[in-house]
Amino acid sequence: MKTQIQADAATAITKLATEITNKRGYAQHWQFSVRKCDQLLAKGLPHLKISARQIRINIPEADQWMREQFQTQRIGKAGGVKQ
């Protein structure tokens, strides 16, 4: 039987795993190419360098950077609901 602390830890790990992705996943998130993701990394997109060839991107941090760099903002309601 899991304790509340174990359940909370499992929830936190699951949430963290969904917030971290690689270049391909982040490119799909914003619907642009992996090459564009490479260009953004060169401009300072926050990321974690795992090894010489692997990086991970924390989606909330990177999205915040995108908002600051490019003044991106939502147009319309969340979830694509139009009225």
PDB file of N, CA and C in Angstrom:
ATOM      1  N   MET A   1       0.838  -1.177   0.000  1.00  0.00           N
ATOM      2  CA  MET A   1       0.000   0.000   0.000  1.00  0.00           C
ATOM      3  C   MET A   1       0.893   1.253   0.000  1.00  0.00           C
ATOM      4  N   LYS A   2       0.594   2.182  -0.902  1.00  0.00           N
ATOM      5  CA  LYS A   2       1.389   3.395  -1.004  1.00  0.00           C
ATOM      6  C   LYS A   2       0.991   4.393   0.075  1.00  0.00           C
ATOM      7  N   THR A   3       1.986   5.076   0.574  1.00  0.00           N
ATOM      8  CA  THR A   3       1.708   6.165   1.501  1.00  0.00           C
ATOM      9  C   THR A   3       1.422   7.418   0.697  1.00  0.00           C
ATOM     10  N   GLN A   4       0.915   8.427   1.356  1.00  0.00           N
ATOM     11  CA  GLN A   4       0.607   9.693   0.677  1.00  0.00           C
ATOM     12  C   GLN A   4       1.868  10.316   0.083  1.00  0.00           C
ATOM     13  N   ILE A   5       2.985  10.208   0.789  1.00  0.00           N
ATOM     14  CA  ILE A   5       4.248  10.773   0.293  1.00  0.00           C
ATOM     15  C   ILE A   5       4.681  10.064  -0.983  1.00  0.00           C
ATOM     16  N   GLN A   6       4.581   8.732  -1.021  1.00  0.00           N
ATOM     17  CA  GLN A   6       4.940   7.990  -2.226  1.00  0.00           C
ATOM     18  C   GLN A   6       4.020   8.359  -3.382  1.00  0.00           C
ATOM     19  N   ALA A   7       2.736   8.516  -3.110  1.00  0.00           N
ATOM     20  CA  ALA A   7       1.780   8.892  -4.160  1.00  0.00           C
ATOM     21  C   ALA A   7       2.090  10.288  -4.688  1.00  0.00           C
ATOM     22  N   ASP A   8       2.406  11.223  -3.777  1.00  0.00           N
ATOM     23  CA  ASP A   8       2.756  12.581  -4.191  1.00  0.00           C
ATOM     24  C   ASP A   8       4.039  12.595  -5.012  1.00  0.00           C
ATOM     25  N   ALA A   9       5.021  11.796  -4.608  1.00  0.00           N
ATOM     26  CA  ALA A   9       6.285  11.715  -5.344  1.00  0.00           C
ATOM     27  C   ALA A   9       6.059  11.141  -6.735  1.00  0.00           C
ATOM     28  N   ALA A  10       5.229  10.111  -6.830  1.00  0.00           N
ATOM     29  CA  ALA A  10       4.935   9.512  -8.140  1.00  0.00           C
ATOM     30  C   ALA A  10       4.227  10.510  -9.039  1.00  0.00           C
ATOM     31  N   THR A  11       3.308  11.289  -8.486  1.00  0.00           N
ATOM     32  CA  THR A  11       2.603  12.317  -9.257  1.00  0.00           C
ATOM     33  C   THR A  11       3.572  13.388  -9.735  1.00  0.00           C
ATOM     34  N   ALA A  12       4.478  13.815  -8.859  1.00  0.00           N
ATOM     35  CA  ALA A  12       5.460  14.842  -9.222  1.00  0.00           C
ATOM     36  C   ALA A  12       6.388  14.349 -10.324  1.00  0.00           C
ATOM     37  N   ILE A  13       6.821  13.100 -10.242  1.00  0.00           N
ATOM     38  CA  ILE A  13       7.710  12.535 -11.272  1.00  0.00           C
ATOM     39  C   ILE A  13       6.983  12.450 -12.605  1.00  0.00           C
ATOM     40  N   THR A  14       5.727  12.019 -12.581  1.00  0.00           N
ATOM     41  CA  THR A  14       4.947  11.933 -13.814  1.00  0.00           C
ATOM     42  C   THR A  14       4.762  13.312 -14.429  1.00  0.00           C
ATOM     43  N   LYS A  15       4.468  14.304 -13.604  1.00  0.00           N
ATOM     44  CA  LYS A  15       4.284  15.673 -14.110  1.00  0.00           C
ATOM     45  C   LYS A  15       5.578  16.193 -14.704  1.00  0.00           C
ATOM     46  N   LEU A  16       6.689  15.971 -14.010  1.00  0.00           N
ATOM     47  CA  LEU A  16       7.991  16.426 -14.495  1.00  0.00           C
ATOM     48  C   LEU A  16       8.338  15.750 -15.818  1.00  0.00           C
ATOM     49  N   ALA A  17       8.040  14.467 -15.946  1.00  0.00           N
ATOM     50  CA  ALA A  17       8.344  13.738 -17.176  1.00  0.00           C
ATOM     51  C   ALA A  17       7.562  14.290 -18.351  1.00  0.00           C
ATOM     52  N   THR A  18       6.368  14.797 -18.127  1.00  0.00           N
ATOM     53  CA  THR A  18       5.586  15.360 -19.225  1.00  0.00           C
ATOM     54  C   THR A  18       6.013  16.782 -19.550  1.00  0.00           C
ATOM     55  N   GLU A  19       6.773  17.418 -18.660  1.00  0.00           N
ATOM     56  CA  GLU A  19       7.226  18.786 -18.893  1.00  0.00           C
ATOM     57  C   GLU A  19       8.608  18.853 -19.524  1.00  0.00           C
ATOM     58  N   ILE A  20       9.282  17.723 -19.664  1.00  0.00           N
ATOM     59  CA  ILE A  20      10.629  17.704 -20.241  1.00  0.00           C
ATOM     60  C   ILE A  20      10.585  16.910 -21.540  1.00  0.00           C
ATOM     61  N   THR A  21      11.222  17.449 -22.574  1.00  0.00           N
ATOM     62  CA  THR A  21      11.220  16.798 -23.878  1.00  0.00           C
ATOM     63  C   THR A  21      12.563  17.017 -24.562  1.00  0.00           C
ATOM     64  N   ASN A  22      12.713  16.430 -25.733  1.00  0.00           N
ATOM     65  CA  ASN A  22      13.920  16.650 -26.536  1.00  0.00           C
ATOM     66  C   ASN A  22      13.607  17.686 -27.624  1.00  0.00           C
ATOM     67  N   LYS A  23      14.581  17.906 -28.520  1.00  0.00           N
ATOM     68  CA  LYS A  23      14.372  18.909 -29.579  1.00  0.00           C
ATOM     69  C   LYS A  23      13.183  18.568 -30.458  1.00  0.00           C
ATOM     70  N   ARG A  24      13.064  17.322 -30.834  1.00  0.00           N
ATOM     71  CA  ARG A  24      11.965  16.906 -31.713  1.00  0.00           C
ATOM     72  C   ARG A  24      10.606  17.159 -31.043  1.00  0.00           C
ATOM     73  N   GLY A  25      10.508  16.821 -29.769  1.00  0.00           N
ATOM     74  CA  GLY A  25       9.264  17.029 -29.041  1.00  0.00           C
ATOM     75  C   GLY A  25       8.923  18.500 -28.900  1.00  0.00           C
ATOM     76  N   TYR A  26       9.943  19.334 -28.649  1.00  0.00           N
ATOM     77  CA  TYR A  26       9.684  20.775 -28.526  1.00  0.00           C
ATOM     78  C   TYR A  26       9.316  21.377 -29.878  1.00  0.00           C
ATOM     79  N   ALA A  27       9.942  20.896 -30.936  1.00  0.00           N
ATOM     80  CA  ALA A  27       9.585  21.371 -32.279  1.00  0.00           C
ATOM     81  C   ALA A  27       8.127  21.007 -32.589  1.00  0.00           C
ATOM     82  N   GLN A  28       7.699  19.812 -32.222  1.00  0.00           N
ATOM     83  CA  GLN A  28       6.298  19.422 -32.427  1.00  0.00           C
ATOM     84  C   GLN A  28       5.367  20.264 -31.568  1.00  0.00           C
ATOM     85  N   HIS A  29       5.787  20.591 -30.363  1.00  0.00           N
ATOM     86  CA  HIS A  29       4.993  21.409 -29.441  1.00  0.00           C
ATOM     87  C   HIS A  29       4.667  22.765 -30.073  1.00  0.00           C
ATOM     88  N   TRP A  30       5.645  23.376 -30.729  1.00  0.00           N
ATOM     89  CA  TRP A  30       5.453  24.684 -31.368  1.00  0.00           C
ATOM     90  C   TRP A  30       5.140  24.569 -32.862  1.00  0.00           C
ATOM     91  N   GLN A  31       5.139  23.388 -33.403  1.00  0.00           N
ATOM     92  CA  GLN A  31       4.865  23.140 -34.817  1.00  0.00           C
ATOM     93  C   GLN A  31       5.867  23.835 -35.741  1.00  0.00           C
ATOM     94  N   PHE A  32       7.148  23.649 -35.410  1.00  0.00           N
ATOM     95  CA  PHE A  32       8.196  24.078 -36.325  1.00  0.00           C
ATOM     96  C   PHE A  32       9.234  22.967 -36.447  1.00  0.00           C
ATOM     97  N   SER A  33      10.237  23.178 -37.294  1.00  0.00           N
ATOM     98  CA  SER A  33      11.209  22.129 -37.590  1.00  0.00           C
ATOM     99  C   SER A  33      12.250  21.992 -36.478  1.00  0.00           C
ATOM    100  N   VAL A  34      12.935  20.854 -36.484  1.00  0.00           N
ATOM    101  CA  VAL A  34      14.024  20.630 -35.540  1.00  0.00           C
ATOM    102  C   VAL A  34      15.141  21.632 -35.817  1.00  0.00           C
ATOM    103  N   ARG A  35      15.333  21.981 -37.071  1.00  0.00           N
ATOM    104  CA  ARG A  35      16.351  22.983 -37.441  1.00  0.00           C
ATOM    105  C   ARG A  35      16.056  24.320 -36.772  1.00  0.00           C
ATOM    106  N   LYS A  36      14.790  24.720 -36.735  1.00  0.00           N
ATOM    107  CA  LYS A  36      14.403  25.962 -36.066  1.00  0.00           C
ATOM    108  C   LYS A  36      14.690  25.848 -34.572  1.00  0.00           C
ATOM    109  N   CYS A  37      14.468  24.685 -34.013  1.00  0.00           N
ATOM    110  CA  CYS A  37      14.779  24.454 -32.600  1.00  0.00           C
ATOM    111  C   CYS A  37      16.284  24.624 -32.364  1.00  0.00           C
ATOM    112  N   ASP A  38      17.115  24.110 -33.275  1.00  0.00           N
ATOM    113  CA  ASP A  38      18.567  24.292 -33.177  1.00  0.00           C
ATOM    114  C   ASP A  38      18.928  25.776 -33.200  1.00  0.00           C
ATOM    115  N   GLN A  39      18.265  26.535 -34.063  1.00  0.00           N
ATOM    116  CA  GLN A  39      18.520  27.970 -34.147  1.00  0.00           C
ATOM    117  C   GLN A  39      18.141  28.676 -32.849  1.00  0.00           C
ATOM    118  N   LEU A  40      17.019  28.277 -32.264  1.00  0.00           N
ATOM    119  CA  LEU A  40      16.593  28.876 -30.999  1.00  0.00           C
ATOM    120  C   LEU A  40      17.546  28.518 -29.868  1.00  0.00           C
ATOM    121  N   LEU A  41      18.063  27.289 -29.874  1.00  0.00           N
ATOM    122  CA  LEU A  41      19.055  26.894 -28.873  1.00  0.00           C
ATOM    123  C   LEU A  41      20.305  27.757 -28.986  1.00  0.00           C
ATOM    124  N   ALA A  42      20.711  28.056 -30.203  1.00  0.00           N
ATOM    125  CA  ALA A  42      21.881  28.909 -30.419  1.00  0.00           C
ATOM    126  C   ALA A  42      21.631  30.331 -29.922  1.00  0.00           C
ATOM    127  N   LYS A  43      20.362  30.765 -29.948  1.00  0.00           N
ATOM    128  CA  LYS A  43      20.004  32.112 -29.471  1.00  0.00           C
ATOM    129  C   LYS A  43      19.809  32.169 -27.968  1.00  0.00           C
ATOM    130  N   GLY A  44      19.798  30.994 -27.293  1.00  0.00           N
ATOM    131  CA  GLY A  44      19.711  31.007 -25.843  1.00  0.00           C
ATOM    132  C   GLY A  44      18.512  30.302 -25.238  1.00  0.00           C
ATOM    133  N   LEU A  45      17.790  29.509 -26.017  1.00  0.00           N
ATOM    134  CA  LEU A  45      16.664  28.750 -25.477  1.00  0.00           C
ATOM    135  C   LEU A  45      17.164  27.886 -24.320  1.00  0.00           C
ATOM    136  N   PRO A  46      16.553  28.008 -23.140  1.00  0.00           N
ATOM    137  CA  PRO A  46      17.044  27.229 -22.002  1.00  0.00           C
ATOM    138  C   PRO A  46      16.890  25.720 -22.208  1.00  0.00           C
ATOM    139  N   HIS A  47      17.933  24.985 -21.848  1.00  0.00           N
ATOM    140  CA  HIS A  47      17.926  23.535 -22.030  1.00  0.00           C
ATOM    141  C   HIS A  47      18.930  22.888 -21.083  1.00  0.00           C
ATOM    142  N   LEU A  48      18.841  21.583 -20.964  1.00  0.00           N
ATOM    143  CA  LEU A  48      19.770  20.796 -20.160  1.00  0.00           C
ATOM    144  C   LEU A  48      20.593  19.942 -21.105  1.00  0.00           C
ATOM    145  N   LYS A  49      21.902  20.028 -21.014  1.00  0.00           N
ATOM    146  CA  LYS A  49      22.769  19.227 -21.877  1.00  0.00           C
ATOM    147  C   LYS A  49      23.092  17.928 -21.142  1.00  0.00           C
ATOM    148  N   ILE A  50      22.531  16.830 -21.630  1.00  0.00           N
ATOM    149  CA  ILE A  50      22.688  15.530 -21.005  1.00  0.00           C
ATOM    150  C   ILE A  50      24.032  14.910 -21.374  1.00  0.00           C
ATOM    151  N   SER A  51      24.397  15.000 -22.642  1.00  0.00           N
ATOM    152  CA  SER A  51      25.682  14.496 -23.120  1.00  0.00           C
ATOM    153  C   SER A  51      26.068  15.332 -24.328  1.00  0.00           C
ATOM    154  N   ALA A  52      27.113  14.924 -25.025  1.00  0.00           N
ATOM    155  CA  ALA A  52      27.571  15.687 -26.185  1.00  0.00           C
ATOM    156  C   ALA A  52      26.509  15.777 -27.279  1.00  0.00           C
ATOM    157  N   ARG A  53      25.608  14.779 -27.343  1.00  0.00           N
ATOM    158  CA  ARG A  53      24.622  14.756 -28.419  1.00  0.00           C
ATOM    159  C   ARG A  53      23.171  14.798 -27.942  1.00  0.00           C
ATOM    160  N   GLN A  54      22.962  14.856 -26.646  1.00  0.00           N
ATOM    161  CA  GLN A  54      21.593  14.824 -26.135  1.00  0.00           C
ATOM    162  C   GLN A  54      21.294  16.048 -25.286  1.00  0.00           C
ATOM    163  N   ILE A  55      20.130  16.647 -25.531  1.00  0.00           N
ATOM    164  CA  ILE A  55      19.663  17.750 -24.711  1.00  0.00           C
ATOM    165  C   ILE A  55      18.227  17.462 -24.295  1.00  0.00           C
ATOM    166  N   ARG A  56      17.807  18.103 -23.238  1.00  0.00           N
ATOM    167  CA  ARG A  56      16.421  18.037 -22.794  1.00  0.00           C
ATOM    168  C   ARG A  56      15.951  19.465 -22.562  1.00  0.00           C
ATOM    169  N   ILE A  57      14.704  19.710 -22.887  1.00  0.00           N
ATOM    170  CA  ILE A  57      14.118  21.039 -22.772  1.00  0.00           C
ATOM    171  C   ILE A  57      12.974  20.972 -21.779  1.00  0.00           C
ATOM    172  N   ASN A  58      13.021  21.833 -20.769  1.00  0.00           N
ATOM    173  CA  ASN A  58      11.931  21.967 -19.818  1.00  0.00           C
ATOM    174  C   ASN A  58      10.898  22.873 -20.492  1.00  0.00           C
ATOM    175  N   ILE A  59       9.760  22.318 -20.863  1.00  0.00           N
ATOM    176  CA  ILE A  59       8.776  23.035 -21.680  1.00  0.00           C
ATOM    177  C   ILE A  59       8.306  24.343 -21.037  1.00  0.00           C
ATOM    178  N   PRO A  60       7.910  24.370 -19.753  1.00  0.00           N
ATOM    179  CA  PRO A  60       7.472  25.650 -19.179  1.00  0.00           C
ATOM    180  C   PRO A  60       8.561  26.734 -19.201  1.00  0.00           C
ATOM    181  N   GLU A  61       9.815  26.359 -18.907  1.00  0.00           N
ATOM    182  CA  GLU A  61      10.917  27.330 -18.958  1.00  0.00           C
ATOM    183  C   GLU A  61      11.132  27.840 -20.376  1.00  0.00           C
ATOM    184  N   ALA A  62      11.137  26.924 -21.333  1.00  0.00           N
ATOM    185  CA  ALA A  62      11.363  27.308 -22.730  1.00  0.00           C
ATOM    186  C   ALA A  62      10.212  28.148 -23.262  1.00  0.00           C
ATOM    187  N   ASP A  63       8.978  27.808 -22.883  1.00  0.00           N
ATOM    188  CA  ASP A  63       7.827  28.604 -23.323  1.00  0.00           C
ATOM    189  C   ASP A  63       7.892  30.019 -22.753  1.00  0.00           C
ATOM    190  N   GLN A  64       8.323  30.133 -21.496  1.00  0.00           N
ATOM    191  CA  GLN A  64       8.486  31.464 -20.889  1.00  0.00           C
ATOM    192  C   GLN A  64       9.539  32.269 -21.652  1.00  0.00           C
ATOM    193  N   TRP A  65      10.645  31.614 -22.020  1.00  0.00           N
ATOM    194  CA  TRP A  65      11.693  32.276 -22.798  1.00  0.00           C
ATOM    195  C   TRP A  65      11.147  32.739 -24.145  1.00  0.00           C
ATOM    196  N   MET A  66      10.342  31.890 -24.788  1.00  0.00           N
ATOM    197  CA  MET A  66       9.737  32.249 -26.081  1.00  0.00           C
ATOM    198  C   MET A  66       8.841  33.481 -25.920  1.00  0.00           C
ATOM    199  N   ARG A  67       8.050  33.512 -24.837  1.00  0.00           N
ATOM    200  CA  ARG A  67       7.180  34.679 -24.609  1.00  0.00           C
ATOM    201  C   ARG A  67       8.005  35.938 -24.419  1.00  0.00           C
ATOM    202  N   GLU A  68       9.102  35.833 -23.671  1.00  0.00           N
ATOM    203  CA  GLU A  68       9.949  37.001 -23.424  1.00  0.00           C
ATOM    204  C   GLU A  68      10.679  37.451 -24.686  1.00  0.00           C
ATOM    205  N   GLN A  69      11.196  36.514 -25.466  1.00  0.00           N
ATOM    206  CA  GLN A  69      11.957  36.843 -26.668  1.00  0.00           C
ATOM    207  C   GLN A  69      11.084  37.385 -27.797  1.00  0.00           C
ATOM    208  N   PHE A  70       9.944  36.753 -27.991  1.00  0.00           N
ATOM    209  CA  PHE A  70       9.146  37.047 -29.180  1.00  0.00           C
ATOM    210  C   PHE A  70       7.787  37.644 -28.874  1.00  0.00           C
ATOM    211  N   GLN A  71       7.546  37.965 -27.606  1.00  0.00           N
ATOM    212  CA  GLN A  71       6.274  38.535 -27.185  1.00  0.00           C
ATOM    213  C   GLN A  71       5.093  37.704 -27.691  1.00  0.00           C
ATOM    214  N   THR A  72       5.225  36.381 -27.624  1.00  0.00           N
ATOM    215  CA  THR A  72       4.129  35.511 -28.050  1.00  0.00           C
ATOM    216  C   THR A  72       3.004  35.619 -27.038  1.00  0.00           C
ATOM    217  N   GLN A  73       1.784  35.564 -27.538  1.00  0.00           N
ATOM    218  CA  GLN A  73       0.621  35.622 -26.661  1.00  0.00           C
ATOM    219  C   GLN A  73      -0.530  34.862 -27.287  1.00  0.00           C
ATOM    220  N   ARG A  74      -1.414  34.394 -26.434  1.00  0.00           N
ATOM    221  CA  ARG A  74      -2.581  33.652 -26.898  1.00  0.00           C
ATOM    222  C   ARG A  74      -3.566  34.618 -27.548  1.00  0.00           C
ATOM    223  N   ILE A  75      -4.109  34.202 -28.685  1.00  0.00           N
ATOM    224  CA  ILE A  75      -5.188  34.933 -29.341  1.00  0.00           C
ATOM    225  C   ILE A  75      -6.391  34.014 -29.310  1.00  0.00           C
ATOM    226  N   GLY A  76      -7.448  34.436 -28.681  1.00  0.00           N
ATOM    227  CA  GLY A  76      -8.634  33.593 -28.549  1.00  0.00           C
ATOM    228  C   GLY A  76      -8.617  32.837 -27.239  1.00  0.00           C
ATOM    229  N   LYS A  77      -9.607  32.012 -27.059  1.00  0.00           N
ATOM    230  CA  LYS A  77      -9.751  31.262 -25.805  1.00  0.00           C
ATOM    231  C   LYS A  77      -8.907  30.007 -25.826  1.00  0.00           C
ATOM    232  N   ALA A  78      -8.550  29.536 -24.631  1.00  0.00           N
ATOM    233  CA  ALA A  78      -7.764  28.313 -24.495  1.00  0.00           C
ATOM    234  C   ALA A  78      -8.559  27.119 -25.006  1.00  0.00           C
ATOM    235  N   GLY A  79      -7.875  26.185 -25.606  1.00  0.00           N
ATOM    236  CA  GLY A  79      -8.521  24.967 -26.091  1.00  0.00           C
ATOM    237  C   GLY A  79      -9.180  25.121 -27.452  1.00  0.00           C
ATOM    238  N   GLY A  80      -8.983  26.242 -28.094  1.00  0.00           N
ATOM    239  CA  GLY A  80      -9.525  26.436 -29.429  1.00  0.00           C
ATOM    240  C   GLY A  80     -11.035  26.647 -29.475  1.00  0.00           C
ATOM    241  N   VAL A  81     -11.635  26.975 -28.344  1.00  0.00           N
ATOM    242  CA  VAL A  81     -13.090  27.193 -28.288  1.00  0.00           C
ATOM    243  C   VAL A  81     -13.389  28.593 -28.783  1.00  0.00           C
ATOM    244  N   LYS A  82     -14.247  28.676 -29.801  1.00  0.00           N
ATOM    245  CA  LYS A  82     -14.635  29.975 -30.333  1.00  0.00           C
ATOM    246  C   LYS A  82     -16.064  30.269 -29.937  1.00  0.00           C
ATOM    247  N   GLN A  83     -16.351  31.549 -29.723  1.00  0.00           N
ATOM    248  CA  GLN A  83     -17.716  31.959 -29.405  1.00  0.00           C
ATOM    249  C   GLN A  83     -18.205  32.964 -30.413  1.00  0.00           C
TER     250      GLN A  83
END
